[in-house]
Amino acid sequence: MIGGLGMAELVVILIIVLMVFGVGKLPELGGGLGKAISSFKKSVKEDETKEIADKGRKEA
């Protein structure tokens, strides 16, 4: 169970996605989603690094 969704719900969602986007578009969607997630993680990491650097400057 992922986030309150059971196997049946996930199968229904997958079928709907397949009907809307088609089988050919799924790799593009997956790649785009992967790039978005990695970009988000990178920006969060940069933000944390910037906060630590700013905090160090204020203390000095």
Protein backbone atom coordinates (compact mmCIF):
# COMPACT_ATOMS: atom_id res chain seq x y z
CA MET A 1 0.00 0.00 0.00
CA ILE A 2 1.49 3.31 -1.12
CA GLY A 3 0.09 6.42 0.56
CA GLY A 4 -3.27 4.81 1.29
CA LEU A 5 -3.60 3.34 -2.21
CA GLY A 6 -4.03 -0.38 -2.62
CA MET A 7 -3.06 -2.54 -5.57
CA ALA A 8 -6.48 -2.26 -7.21
CA GLU A 9 -6.39 1.54 -7.14
CA LEU A 10 -2.88 1.62 -8.60
CA VAL A 11 -3.93 -0.69 -11.45
CA VAL A 12 -6.94 1.52 -12.25
CA ILE A 13 -4.72 4.63 -12.26
CA LEU A 14 -2.21 2.91 -14.55
CA ILE A 15 -4.96 1.90 -16.99
CA ILE A 16 -6.32 5.46 -17.08
CA VAL A 17 -2.82 6.87 -17.69
CA LEU A 18 -2.30 4.39 -20.52
CA MET A 19 -5.62 5.38 -22.11
CA VAL A 20 -4.95 9.11 -21.84
CA PHE A 21 -1.29 9.26 -22.90
CA GLY A 22 -0.77 6.03 -24.82
CA VAL A 23 2.04 3.54 -24.53
CA GLY A 24 4.46 5.60 -26.66
CA LYS A 25 4.37 8.66 -24.39
CA LEU A 26 5.04 6.83 -21.11
CA PRO A 27 8.87 6.82 -21.47
CA GLU A 28 8.82 10.56 -22.16
CA LEU A 29 6.60 11.18 -19.15
CA GLY A 30 8.81 9.04 -16.93
CA GLY A 31 11.96 10.80 -18.13
CA GLY A 32 10.41 14.21 -17.57
CA LEU A 33 9.26 13.24 -14.10
CA GLY A 34 12.72 11.91 -13.25
CA LYS A 35 14.38 15.13 -14.42
CA ALA A 36 11.92 17.21 -12.41
CA ILE A 37 12.56 15.21 -9.24
CA SER A 38 16.36 15.39 -9.64
CA SER A 39 16.15 19.14 -10.32
CA PHE A 40 14.05 19.60 -7.18
CA LYS A 41 16.51 17.61 -5.07
CA LYS A 42 19.42 19.62 -6.48
CA SER A 43 17.76 22.95 -5.68
CA VAL A 44 16.93 21.82 -2.13
CA LYS A 45 20.53 20.72 -1.59
CA GLU A 46 21.83 24.06 -2.93
CA ASP A 47 19.39 25.91 -0.66
CA GLU A 48 20.60 24.00 2.40
CA THR A 49 24.23 24.67 1.48
CA LYS A 50 23.50 28.39 1.03
CA GLU A 51 21.73 28.56 4.42
CA ILE A 52 24.67 26.91 6.17
CA ALA A 53 27.11 29.31 4.49
CA ASP A 54 24.98 32.33 5.39
CA LYS A 55 24.67 31.16 8.99
CA GLY A 56 28.45 30.78 9.22
CA ARG A 57 28.98 34.32 7.96
CA LYS A 58 26.54 35.78 10.47
CA GLU A 59 28.24 34.04 13.39
CA ALA A 60 31.71 35.22 12.38
